[in-house]
Every structure is written in C-alpha cells, then in structure tokens.
C-alpha cells in the first residue's frame, strides 16, 4: 500500500527532473534536487529491506515480543519513509507535482492514510517501546552473557556523578 505508490512517485519525479531545465541546465544536476532523490531512493531501499526482514522473522516463528516489535517498527518506518519519498518527489517537481497532471498529489494524499490505518504510528511507537523495554529487562538480568556497556566510559566508576533523582 505504501512502497508501490512511493516508488511510482519517485519514478515520475525522476522522469520530470531528467527533462525539466532551469538556468540552462537539467534540474537533476542541481544538488538540491539530486540530494532529495538520493534520500528518497535510500528510504525506499531501507523500507523494502525492513519488510523482507520482518516477513522472514514472522515466517521463521521468532519469539512473539520481538516479532511484534519488528512488525510495529516496520509499519511505522515504512509509512513514514514512503511519505517522505512522496514529499521529496513533490518538492523536486515544484508546483506541477501538486496538480492532477501527475499522480504525485494523489499518492501524497493517499499515503497519509497509511500512518493512521491499521493502527496509528503513535500506537506503533507504544508497542515498540513496550517490547523493547521488555526485551531490555530480560537481557539485563546479569547472566553469563550480560555486558555492562556503561563500564566502557572513561569515568564509569564516578558513581557520585550518576544521579537519577
């Protein structure tokens, strides 16, 4: 629901910015345009990777808490990333990207629903935090595999500096 329209928006923007000229140059040569396209491409690749990783975790039947966290992280990351991709596509196209001449305005509107539908991204954040802290508590029961990362600090033994109230 999100990656397809985001990819299509980036493709449309790629075609437009490859042909559109400003100041005698094709606009895909300007850093302001190419950096937004680069960010959008990176976000799409990361979103697809998260979907595949999460699907594999579900297929392999990993523990419920971790799987719940992966699913929520993926839903939140993918929807927000795809919204950014479409936003960037619209930005590099300028005003014409906001018209019905290109499908980007529709993708922009439709993708907004993705962060609300099937659980808002705020609810996904609640699930992610809950599952992460549950896993954190399990990992920090000071068993044989426990690693005290705080001990890596140069002044880790400065107990008087560690005030929690």
N, C-alpha and C. Protein backbone atom coordinates (compact mmCIF):
# COMPACT_ATOMS: atom_id res chain seq x y z
N UNK A 1 0.81 -1.20 0.00
CA UNK A 1 0.00 0.00 0.00
C UNK A 1 0.86 1.26 0.00
N UNK A 2 2.08 1.19 0.50
CA UNK A 2 2.88 2.41 0.59
C UNK A 2 4.11 2.40 -0.32
N UNK A 3 4.79 1.27 -0.38
CA UNK A 3 6.04 1.25 -1.16
C UNK A 3 5.76 1.43 -2.65
N UNK A 4 4.70 0.81 -3.16
CA UNK A 4 4.38 0.94 -4.59
C UNK A 4 4.13 2.38 -5.02
N UNK A 5 3.20 3.10 -4.36
CA UNK A 5 2.97 4.49 -4.75
C UNK A 5 4.20 5.38 -4.53
N UNK A 6 4.97 5.09 -3.49
CA UNK A 6 6.17 5.90 -3.25
C UNK A 6 7.19 5.69 -4.37
N UNK A 7 7.36 4.43 -4.76
CA UNK A 7 8.28 4.14 -5.87
C UNK A 7 7.81 4.81 -7.16
N UNK A 8 6.50 4.72 -7.41
CA UNK A 8 5.94 5.35 -8.61
C UNK A 8 6.16 6.86 -8.59
N UNK A 9 5.98 7.48 -7.44
CA UNK A 9 6.20 8.93 -7.32
C UNK A 9 7.64 9.30 -7.61
N UNK A 10 8.57 8.51 -7.08
CA UNK A 10 9.98 8.78 -7.34
C UNK A 10 10.31 8.59 -8.81
N UNK A 11 9.73 7.58 -9.44
CA UNK A 11 9.95 7.36 -10.88
C UNK A 11 9.43 8.54 -11.70
N UNK A 12 8.24 9.02 -11.36
CA UNK A 12 7.66 10.17 -12.07
C UNK A 12 8.57 11.39 -11.88
N UNK A 13 9.00 11.61 -10.65
CA UNK A 13 9.87 12.75 -10.37
C UNK A 13 11.21 12.60 -11.09
N UNK A 14 11.70 11.37 -11.18
CA UNK A 14 12.95 11.13 -11.90
C UNK A 14 12.82 11.50 -13.37
N UNK A 15 11.71 11.10 -13.97
CA UNK A 15 11.49 11.46 -15.38
C UNK A 15 11.35 12.96 -15.57
N UNK A 16 10.61 13.59 -14.68
CA UNK A 16 10.40 15.04 -14.79
C UNK A 16 11.73 15.78 -14.62
N UNK A 17 12.49 15.44 -13.58
CA UNK A 17 13.73 16.17 -13.30
C UNK A 17 14.83 15.87 -14.32
N UNK A 18 14.67 14.80 -15.08
CA UNK A 18 15.62 14.49 -16.14
C UNK A 18 15.36 15.34 -17.38
N UNK A 19 14.12 15.82 -17.52
CA UNK A 19 13.77 16.62 -18.69
C UNK A 19 13.65 18.12 -18.41
N UNK A 20 13.24 18.48 -17.22
CA UNK A 20 13.00 19.88 -16.86
C UNK A 20 14.31 20.63 -16.75
N UNK A 21 14.34 21.83 -17.35
CA UNK A 21 15.54 22.65 -17.32
C UNK A 21 15.28 23.95 -16.57
N UNK A 22 16.31 24.42 -15.89
CA UNK A 22 16.29 25.73 -15.23
C UNK A 22 17.71 26.29 -15.34
N UNK A 23 17.80 27.56 -15.63
CA UNK A 23 19.10 28.22 -15.75
C UNK A 23 19.99 27.51 -16.76
N UNK A 24 19.37 26.96 -17.81
CA UNK A 24 20.11 26.31 -18.88
C UNK A 24 20.62 24.91 -18.56
N UNK A 25 20.21 24.35 -17.42
CA UNK A 25 20.68 23.01 -17.03
C UNK A 25 19.49 22.13 -16.67
N UNK A 26 19.65 20.84 -16.92
CA UNK A 26 18.64 19.89 -16.47
C UNK A 26 18.67 19.89 -14.94
N UNK A 27 17.50 19.94 -14.30
CA UNK A 27 17.48 20.17 -12.85
C UNK A 27 17.97 19.00 -12.02
N UNK A 28 18.07 17.82 -12.62
CA UNK A 28 18.62 16.70 -11.83
C UNK A 28 20.12 16.86 -11.58
N UNK A 29 20.72 17.88 -12.17
CA UNK A 29 22.14 18.18 -11.95
C UNK A 29 22.35 19.07 -10.72
N UNK A 30 21.29 19.64 -10.21
CA UNK A 30 21.40 20.51 -9.04
C UNK A 30 21.40 19.66 -7.77
N UNK A 31 22.27 19.99 -6.82
CA UNK A 31 22.36 19.22 -5.58
C UNK A 31 21.04 19.23 -4.81
N UNK A 32 20.35 20.35 -4.81
CA UNK A 32 19.08 20.43 -4.09
C UNK A 32 18.07 19.41 -4.59
N UNK A 33 18.14 19.08 -5.85
CA UNK A 33 17.25 18.06 -6.44
C UNK A 33 17.84 16.67 -6.22
N UNK A 34 19.10 16.50 -6.60
CA UNK A 34 19.69 15.15 -6.53
C UNK A 34 19.80 14.63 -5.10
N UNK A 35 20.01 15.50 -4.12
CA UNK A 35 20.08 15.03 -2.73
C UNK A 35 18.72 14.52 -2.25
N UNK A 36 17.64 15.18 -2.68
CA UNK A 36 16.31 14.71 -2.28
C UNK A 36 15.97 13.39 -2.96
N UNK A 37 16.39 13.23 -4.19
CA UNK A 37 16.18 11.96 -4.88
C UNK A 37 17.02 10.86 -4.22
N UNK A 38 18.25 11.17 -3.85
CA UNK A 38 19.11 10.20 -3.17
C UNK A 38 18.49 9.76 -1.85
N UNK A 39 17.97 10.71 -1.07
CA UNK A 39 17.33 10.36 0.20
C UNK A 39 16.12 9.47 -0.04
N UNK A 40 15.32 9.82 -1.02
CA UNK A 40 14.12 9.02 -1.33
C UNK A 40 14.50 7.61 -1.75
N UNK A 41 15.50 7.47 -2.57
CA UNK A 41 15.96 6.15 -3.01
C UNK A 41 16.44 5.32 -1.82
N UNK A 42 17.21 5.94 -0.94
CA UNK A 42 17.72 5.25 0.24
C UNK A 42 16.56 4.79 1.14
N UNK A 43 15.58 5.65 1.35
CA UNK A 43 14.45 5.30 2.20
C UNK A 43 13.63 4.16 1.61
N UNK A 44 13.45 4.17 0.30
CA UNK A 44 12.72 3.07 -0.34
C UNK A 44 13.47 1.74 -0.18
N UNK A 45 14.77 1.77 -0.38
CA UNK A 45 15.55 0.55 -0.23
C UNK A 45 15.50 0.05 1.22
N UNK A 46 15.63 0.96 2.18
CA UNK A 46 15.57 0.57 3.59
C UNK A 46 14.18 0.03 3.95
N UNK A 47 13.14 0.65 3.42
CA UNK A 47 11.77 0.18 3.70
C UNK A 47 11.57 -1.23 3.17
N UNK A 48 11.99 -1.47 1.93
CA UNK A 48 11.86 -2.82 1.36
C UNK A 48 12.65 -3.83 2.18
N UNK A 49 13.84 -3.46 2.59
CA UNK A 49 14.67 -4.36 3.39
C UNK A 49 13.99 -4.69 4.72
N UNK A 50 13.41 -3.70 5.37
CA UNK A 50 12.71 -3.96 6.63
C UNK A 50 11.53 -4.90 6.43
N UNK A 51 10.79 -4.71 5.35
CA UNK A 51 9.65 -5.58 5.08
C UNK A 51 10.12 -7.02 4.92
N UNK A 52 11.18 -7.25 4.13
CA UNK A 52 11.69 -8.60 3.93
C UNK A 52 12.21 -9.21 5.23
N UNK A 53 12.93 -8.42 6.01
CA UNK A 53 13.47 -8.92 7.28
C UNK A 53 12.36 -9.29 8.24
N UNK A 54 11.35 -8.46 8.32
CA UNK A 54 10.22 -8.74 9.21
C UNK A 54 9.43 -9.95 8.73
N UNK A 55 9.21 -10.04 7.43
CA UNK A 55 8.49 -11.20 6.89
C UNK A 55 9.24 -12.49 7.19
N UNK A 56 10.57 -12.44 7.06
CA UNK A 56 11.36 -13.63 7.37
C UNK A 56 11.25 -14.00 8.84
N UNK A 57 11.28 -13.01 9.73
CA UNK A 57 11.15 -13.27 11.17
C UNK A 57 9.80 -13.91 11.48
N UNK A 58 8.75 -13.42 10.84
CA UNK A 58 7.41 -14.00 11.05
C UNK A 58 7.38 -15.42 10.51
N UNK A 59 7.91 -15.63 9.31
CA UNK A 59 7.92 -16.97 8.72
C UNK A 59 8.72 -17.97 9.55
N UNK A 60 9.80 -17.50 10.16
CA UNK A 60 10.64 -18.40 10.97
C UNK A 60 10.10 -18.59 12.38
N UNK A 61 9.03 -17.87 12.72
CA UNK A 61 8.38 -18.05 14.01
C UNK A 61 9.20 -17.58 15.19
N UNK A 62 9.92 -16.46 15.04
CA UNK A 62 10.68 -15.93 16.16
C UNK A 62 9.76 -15.59 17.32
N UNK A 63 10.34 -15.33 18.48
CA UNK A 63 9.55 -15.06 19.68
C UNK A 63 8.53 -13.95 19.46
N UNK A 64 7.42 -14.04 20.13
CA UNK A 64 6.30 -13.14 19.92
C UNK A 64 6.64 -11.67 20.17
N UNK A 65 7.33 -11.37 21.27
CA UNK A 65 7.66 -9.98 21.58
C UNK A 65 8.52 -9.33 20.52
N UNK A 66 9.56 -10.03 20.09
CA UNK A 66 10.43 -9.48 19.06
C UNK A 66 9.68 -9.32 17.75
N UNK A 67 8.86 -10.29 17.41
CA UNK A 67 8.09 -10.20 16.17
C UNK A 67 7.10 -9.04 16.22
N UNK A 68 6.44 -8.86 17.34
CA UNK A 68 5.53 -7.71 17.49
C UNK A 68 6.29 -6.41 17.31
N UNK A 69 7.48 -6.32 17.87
CA UNK A 69 8.28 -5.11 17.74
C UNK A 69 8.69 -4.91 16.28
N UNK A 70 9.16 -5.98 15.62
CA UNK A 70 9.56 -5.86 14.22
C UNK A 70 8.41 -5.38 13.35
N UNK A 71 7.24 -5.96 13.56
CA UNK A 71 6.07 -5.58 12.76
C UNK A 71 5.72 -4.12 12.98
N UNK A 72 5.71 -3.69 14.22
CA UNK A 72 5.37 -2.29 14.53
C UNK A 72 6.44 -1.33 14.01
N UNK A 73 7.70 -1.70 14.17
CA UNK A 73 8.78 -0.85 13.65
C UNK A 73 8.68 -0.72 12.14
N UNK A 74 8.42 -1.84 11.49
CA UNK A 74 8.33 -1.84 10.04
C UNK A 74 7.16 -1.00 9.55
N UNK A 75 6.00 -1.17 10.17
CA UNK A 75 4.83 -0.40 9.76
C UNK A 75 5.09 1.09 9.93
N UNK A 76 5.66 1.48 11.05
CA UNK A 76 5.93 2.90 11.32
C UNK A 76 7.01 3.43 10.37
N UNK A 77 8.11 2.71 10.25
CA UNK A 77 9.21 3.17 9.40
C UNK A 77 8.80 3.26 7.94
N UNK A 78 8.13 2.22 7.45
CA UNK A 78 7.75 2.19 6.04
C UNK A 78 6.75 3.31 5.71
N UNK A 79 5.74 3.48 6.56
CA UNK A 79 4.76 4.53 6.25
C UNK A 79 5.40 5.91 6.29
N UNK A 80 6.23 6.18 7.30
CA UNK A 80 6.87 7.49 7.39
C UNK A 80 7.89 7.70 6.29
N UNK A 81 8.63 6.66 5.95
CA UNK A 81 9.62 6.77 4.88
C UNK A 81 8.95 7.02 3.53
N UNK A 82 7.87 6.30 3.27
CA UNK A 82 7.18 6.47 1.99
C UNK A 82 6.53 7.85 1.88
N UNK A 83 6.05 8.37 2.99
CA UNK A 83 5.53 9.74 2.98
C UNK A 83 6.65 10.72 2.64
N UNK A 84 7.84 10.49 3.18
CA UNK A 84 8.98 11.35 2.86
C UNK A 84 9.38 11.22 1.40
N UNK A 85 9.35 10.01 0.87
CA UNK A 85 9.68 9.80 -0.54
C UNK A 85 8.74 10.61 -1.44
N UNK A 86 7.45 10.52 -1.18
CA UNK A 86 6.48 11.25 -2.00
C UNK A 86 6.63 12.75 -1.79
N UNK A 87 6.89 13.16 -0.58
CA UNK A 87 7.13 14.58 -0.29
C UNK A 87 8.33 15.08 -1.11
N UNK A 88 9.42 14.32 -1.09
CA UNK A 88 10.61 14.71 -1.86
C UNK A 88 10.32 14.76 -3.35
N UNK A 89 9.55 13.78 -3.83
CA UNK A 89 9.19 13.78 -5.26
C UNK A 89 8.42 15.05 -5.61
N UNK A 90 7.49 15.42 -4.75
CA UNK A 90 6.71 16.63 -5.00
C UNK A 90 7.61 17.86 -4.93
N UNK A 91 8.53 17.89 -3.99
CA UNK A 91 9.43 19.03 -3.84
C UNK A 91 10.28 19.27 -5.08
N UNK A 92 10.86 18.19 -5.63
CA UNK A 92 11.76 18.38 -6.77
C UNK A 92 10.99 18.74 -8.03
N UNK A 93 9.70 18.43 -8.06
CA UNK A 93 8.89 18.78 -9.23
C UNK A 93 8.31 20.19 -9.12
N UNK A 94 8.31 20.73 -7.93
CA UNK A 94 7.76 22.06 -7.75
C UNK A 94 6.24 22.03 -7.82
N UNK A 95 5.65 23.13 -8.20
CA UNK A 95 4.20 23.29 -8.20
C UNK A 95 3.46 22.29 -9.05
N UNK A 96 4.06 21.85 -10.16
CA UNK A 96 3.34 20.92 -11.03
C UNK A 96 3.13 19.57 -10.35
N UNK A 97 3.96 19.24 -9.39
CA UNK A 97 3.79 18.00 -8.65
C UNK A 97 2.55 18.00 -7.77
N UNK A 98 2.03 19.18 -7.51
CA UNK A 98 0.85 19.33 -6.66
C UNK A 98 -0.45 19.32 -7.47
N UNK A 99 -0.34 19.27 -8.78
CA UNK A 99 -1.52 19.30 -9.64
C UNK A 99 -1.93 17.88 -10.02
N UNK A 100 -3.05 17.78 -10.71
CA UNK A 100 -3.51 16.46 -11.16
C UNK A 100 -2.90 16.07 -12.50
N UNK A 101 -1.93 16.83 -12.98
CA UNK A 101 -1.23 16.49 -14.21
C UNK A 101 -0.35 15.25 -13.98
N UNK A 102 0.14 15.10 -12.78
CA UNK A 102 0.95 13.94 -12.38
C UNK A 102 0.26 13.28 -11.19
N UNK A 103 0.51 11.99 -10.95
CA UNK A 103 -0.20 11.28 -9.87
C UNK A 103 0.34 11.54 -8.47
N UNK A 104 1.35 12.36 -8.35
CA UNK A 104 2.02 12.53 -7.06
C UNK A 104 1.10 13.14 -6.01
N UNK A 105 0.27 14.09 -6.39
CA UNK A 105 -0.63 14.70 -5.39
C UNK A 105 -1.58 13.66 -4.81
N UNK A 106 -2.02 12.73 -5.63
CA UNK A 106 -2.90 11.67 -5.14
C UNK A 106 -2.14 10.71 -4.22
N UNK A 107 -0.91 10.35 -4.59
CA UNK A 107 -0.09 9.49 -3.74
C UNK A 107 0.18 10.16 -2.40
N UNK A 108 0.45 11.44 -2.44
CA UNK A 108 0.72 12.21 -1.22
C UNK A 108 -0.48 12.13 -0.27
N UNK A 109 -1.64 12.33 -0.81
CA UNK A 109 -2.89 12.29 -0.03
C UNK A 109 -3.18 10.87 0.47
N UNK A 110 -3.04 9.88 -0.41
CA UNK A 110 -3.35 8.50 -0.05
C UNK A 110 -2.38 7.94 1.00
N UNK A 111 -1.11 8.29 0.89
CA UNK A 111 -0.13 7.75 1.82
C UNK A 111 -0.29 8.31 3.22
N UNK A 112 -0.92 9.44 3.35
CA UNK A 112 -1.18 9.98 4.68
C UNK A 112 -2.06 9.03 5.47
N UNK A 113 -2.97 8.36 4.80
CA UNK A 113 -3.86 7.41 5.45
C UNK A 113 -3.10 6.22 6.02
N UNK A 114 -1.98 5.85 5.40
CA UNK A 114 -1.23 4.66 5.83
C UNK A 114 -0.72 4.77 7.26
N UNK A 115 -0.41 5.98 7.71
CA UNK A 115 0.10 6.11 9.08
C UNK A 115 -1.02 6.14 10.11
N UNK A 116 -2.26 6.10 9.65
CA UNK A 116 -3.41 6.09 10.55
C UNK A 116 -4.11 4.73 10.50
N UNK A 117 -4.22 4.17 9.32
CA UNK A 117 -4.94 2.93 9.09
C UNK A 117 -4.23 1.76 9.77
N UNK A 118 -4.92 0.79 10.21
CA UNK A 118 -4.42 -0.42 10.88
C UNK A 118 -3.52 -0.10 12.07
N UNK A 119 -3.86 0.93 12.79
CA UNK A 119 -3.08 1.32 13.97
C UNK A 119 -2.22 2.52 13.67
N UNK A 120 -2.45 3.58 14.40
CA UNK A 120 -1.68 4.80 14.14
C UNK A 120 -0.21 4.57 14.45
N UNK A 121 0.63 5.41 13.88
CA UNK A 121 2.06 5.29 14.15
C UNK A 121 2.38 5.58 15.61
N UNK A 122 1.55 6.35 16.29
CA UNK A 122 1.75 6.58 17.72
C UNK A 122 1.53 5.28 18.50
N UNK A 123 0.52 4.51 18.11
CA UNK A 123 0.30 3.21 18.74
C UNK A 123 1.47 2.28 18.43
N UNK A 124 1.99 2.34 17.21
CA UNK A 124 3.15 1.52 16.86
C UNK A 124 4.32 1.88 17.77
N UNK A 125 4.50 3.17 18.06
CA UNK A 125 5.58 3.60 18.96
C UNK A 125 5.39 3.03 20.36
N UNK A 126 4.15 2.99 20.82
CA UNK A 126 3.89 2.42 22.14
C UNK A 126 4.25 0.93 22.18
N UNK A 127 3.88 0.21 21.14
CA UNK A 127 4.19 -1.22 21.07
C UNK A 127 5.71 -1.42 21.00
N UNK A 128 6.37 -0.64 20.16
CA UNK A 128 7.83 -0.76 20.01
C UNK A 128 8.52 -0.53 21.35
N UNK A 129 8.16 0.55 22.03
CA UNK A 129 8.80 0.86 23.31
C UNK A 129 8.51 -0.23 24.34
N UNK A 130 7.29 -0.70 24.41
CA UNK A 130 6.93 -1.74 25.37
C UNK A 130 7.75 -3.00 25.14
N UNK A 131 7.80 -3.45 23.90
CA UNK A 131 8.53 -4.67 23.58
C UNK A 131 10.03 -4.50 23.76
N UNK A 132 10.55 -3.31 23.44
CA UNK A 132 11.97 -3.06 23.60
C UNK A 132 12.35 -3.11 25.08
N UNK A 133 11.58 -2.43 25.92
CA UNK A 133 11.87 -2.44 27.36
C UNK A 133 11.69 -3.83 27.98
N UNK A 134 10.74 -4.60 27.49
CA UNK A 134 10.57 -5.97 27.97
C UNK A 134 11.81 -6.79 27.62
N UNK A 135 12.28 -6.66 26.39
CA UNK A 135 13.49 -7.35 25.96
C UNK A 135 14.71 -6.84 26.73
N UNK A 136 14.78 -5.55 26.96
CA UNK A 136 15.88 -4.94 27.72
C UNK A 136 15.96 -5.54 29.12
N UNK A 137 14.82 -5.64 29.78
CA UNK A 137 14.79 -6.20 31.14
C UNK A 137 15.28 -7.65 31.14
N UNK A 138 14.92 -8.40 30.13
CA UNK A 138 15.36 -9.79 30.01
C UNK A 138 16.87 -9.86 29.78
N UNK A 139 17.38 -9.00 28.92
CA UNK A 139 18.82 -9.01 28.60
C UNK A 139 19.67 -8.57 29.78
N UNK A 140 19.13 -7.77 30.67
CA UNK A 140 19.94 -7.20 31.75
C UNK A 140 19.72 -7.89 33.10
N UNK A 141 19.49 -9.15 33.05
CA UNK A 141 19.36 -9.92 34.30
C UNK A 141 20.71 -10.44 34.76
N UNK A 142 21.77 -9.82 34.30
CA UNK A 142 23.14 -10.09 34.70
C UNK A 142 23.51 -11.58 34.67
N UNK A 143 23.14 -12.21 33.58
CA UNK A 143 23.52 -13.60 33.37
C UNK A 143 24.93 -13.66 32.80
N UNK A 144 25.37 -14.85 32.36
CA UNK A 144 26.73 -15.01 31.84
C UNK A 144 26.99 -14.19 30.57
N UNK A 145 25.96 -13.88 29.81
CA UNK A 145 26.16 -13.12 28.57
C UNK A 145 25.92 -11.62 28.77
N UNK A 146 25.74 -11.18 30.01
CA UNK A 146 25.47 -9.76 30.28
C UNK A 146 26.70 -8.93 29.97
N UNK A 147 26.49 -7.82 29.30
CA UNK A 147 27.57 -6.88 29.00
C UNK A 147 27.19 -5.54 29.59
N UNK A 148 28.00 -5.00 30.47
CA UNK A 148 27.76 -3.70 31.09
C UNK A 148 28.37 -2.63 30.21
N UNK A 149 27.59 -2.08 29.29
CA UNK A 149 28.07 -1.08 28.34
C UNK A 149 28.51 0.20 29.04
N UNK A 150 27.91 0.51 30.19
CA UNK A 150 28.31 1.71 30.92
C UNK A 150 29.77 1.65 31.33
N UNK A 151 30.28 0.46 31.57
CA UNK A 151 31.66 0.30 32.01
C UNK A 151 32.67 0.73 30.93
N UNK A 152 32.23 0.93 29.70
CA UNK A 152 33.12 1.35 28.62
C UNK A 152 33.50 2.82 28.72
N UNK A 153 32.77 3.60 29.52
CA UNK A 153 33.06 5.03 29.64
C UNK A 153 34.36 5.23 30.42
N UNK A 154 35.08 6.27 30.07
CA UNK A 154 36.35 6.55 30.72
C UNK A 154 36.20 6.72 32.23
N UNK A 155 35.15 7.43 32.65
CA UNK A 155 34.91 7.68 34.07
C UNK A 155 33.71 6.88 34.58
N UNK A 156 33.58 5.66 34.14
CA UNK A 156 32.43 4.83 34.52
C UNK A 156 32.33 4.61 36.02
N UNK A 157 33.45 4.69 36.72
CA UNK A 157 33.43 4.45 38.16
C UNK A 157 33.11 5.70 38.98
N UNK A 158 32.78 6.80 38.32
CA UNK A 158 32.42 8.04 39.02
C UNK A 158 30.96 7.96 39.47
N UNK A 159 30.72 7.14 40.45
CA UNK A 159 29.37 6.84 40.93
C UNK A 159 28.65 8.10 41.42
N UNK A 160 29.37 9.02 42.06
CA UNK A 160 28.73 10.24 42.56
C UNK A 160 28.16 11.12 41.46
N UNK A 161 28.62 10.94 40.22
CA UNK A 161 28.13 11.73 39.08
C UNK A 161 26.82 11.15 38.52
N UNK A 162 26.55 9.91 38.81
CA UNK A 162 25.36 9.24 38.27
C UNK A 162 24.20 9.43 39.22
N UNK A 163 23.49 10.52 38.99
CA UNK A 163 22.37 10.87 39.86
C UNK A 163 21.08 10.65 39.07
N UNK A 164 20.15 9.91 39.65
CA UNK A 164 18.91 9.57 38.95
C UNK A 164 17.69 10.26 39.52
N UNK A 165 17.85 11.09 40.52
CA UNK A 165 16.70 11.80 41.10
C UNK A 165 16.89 13.29 40.98
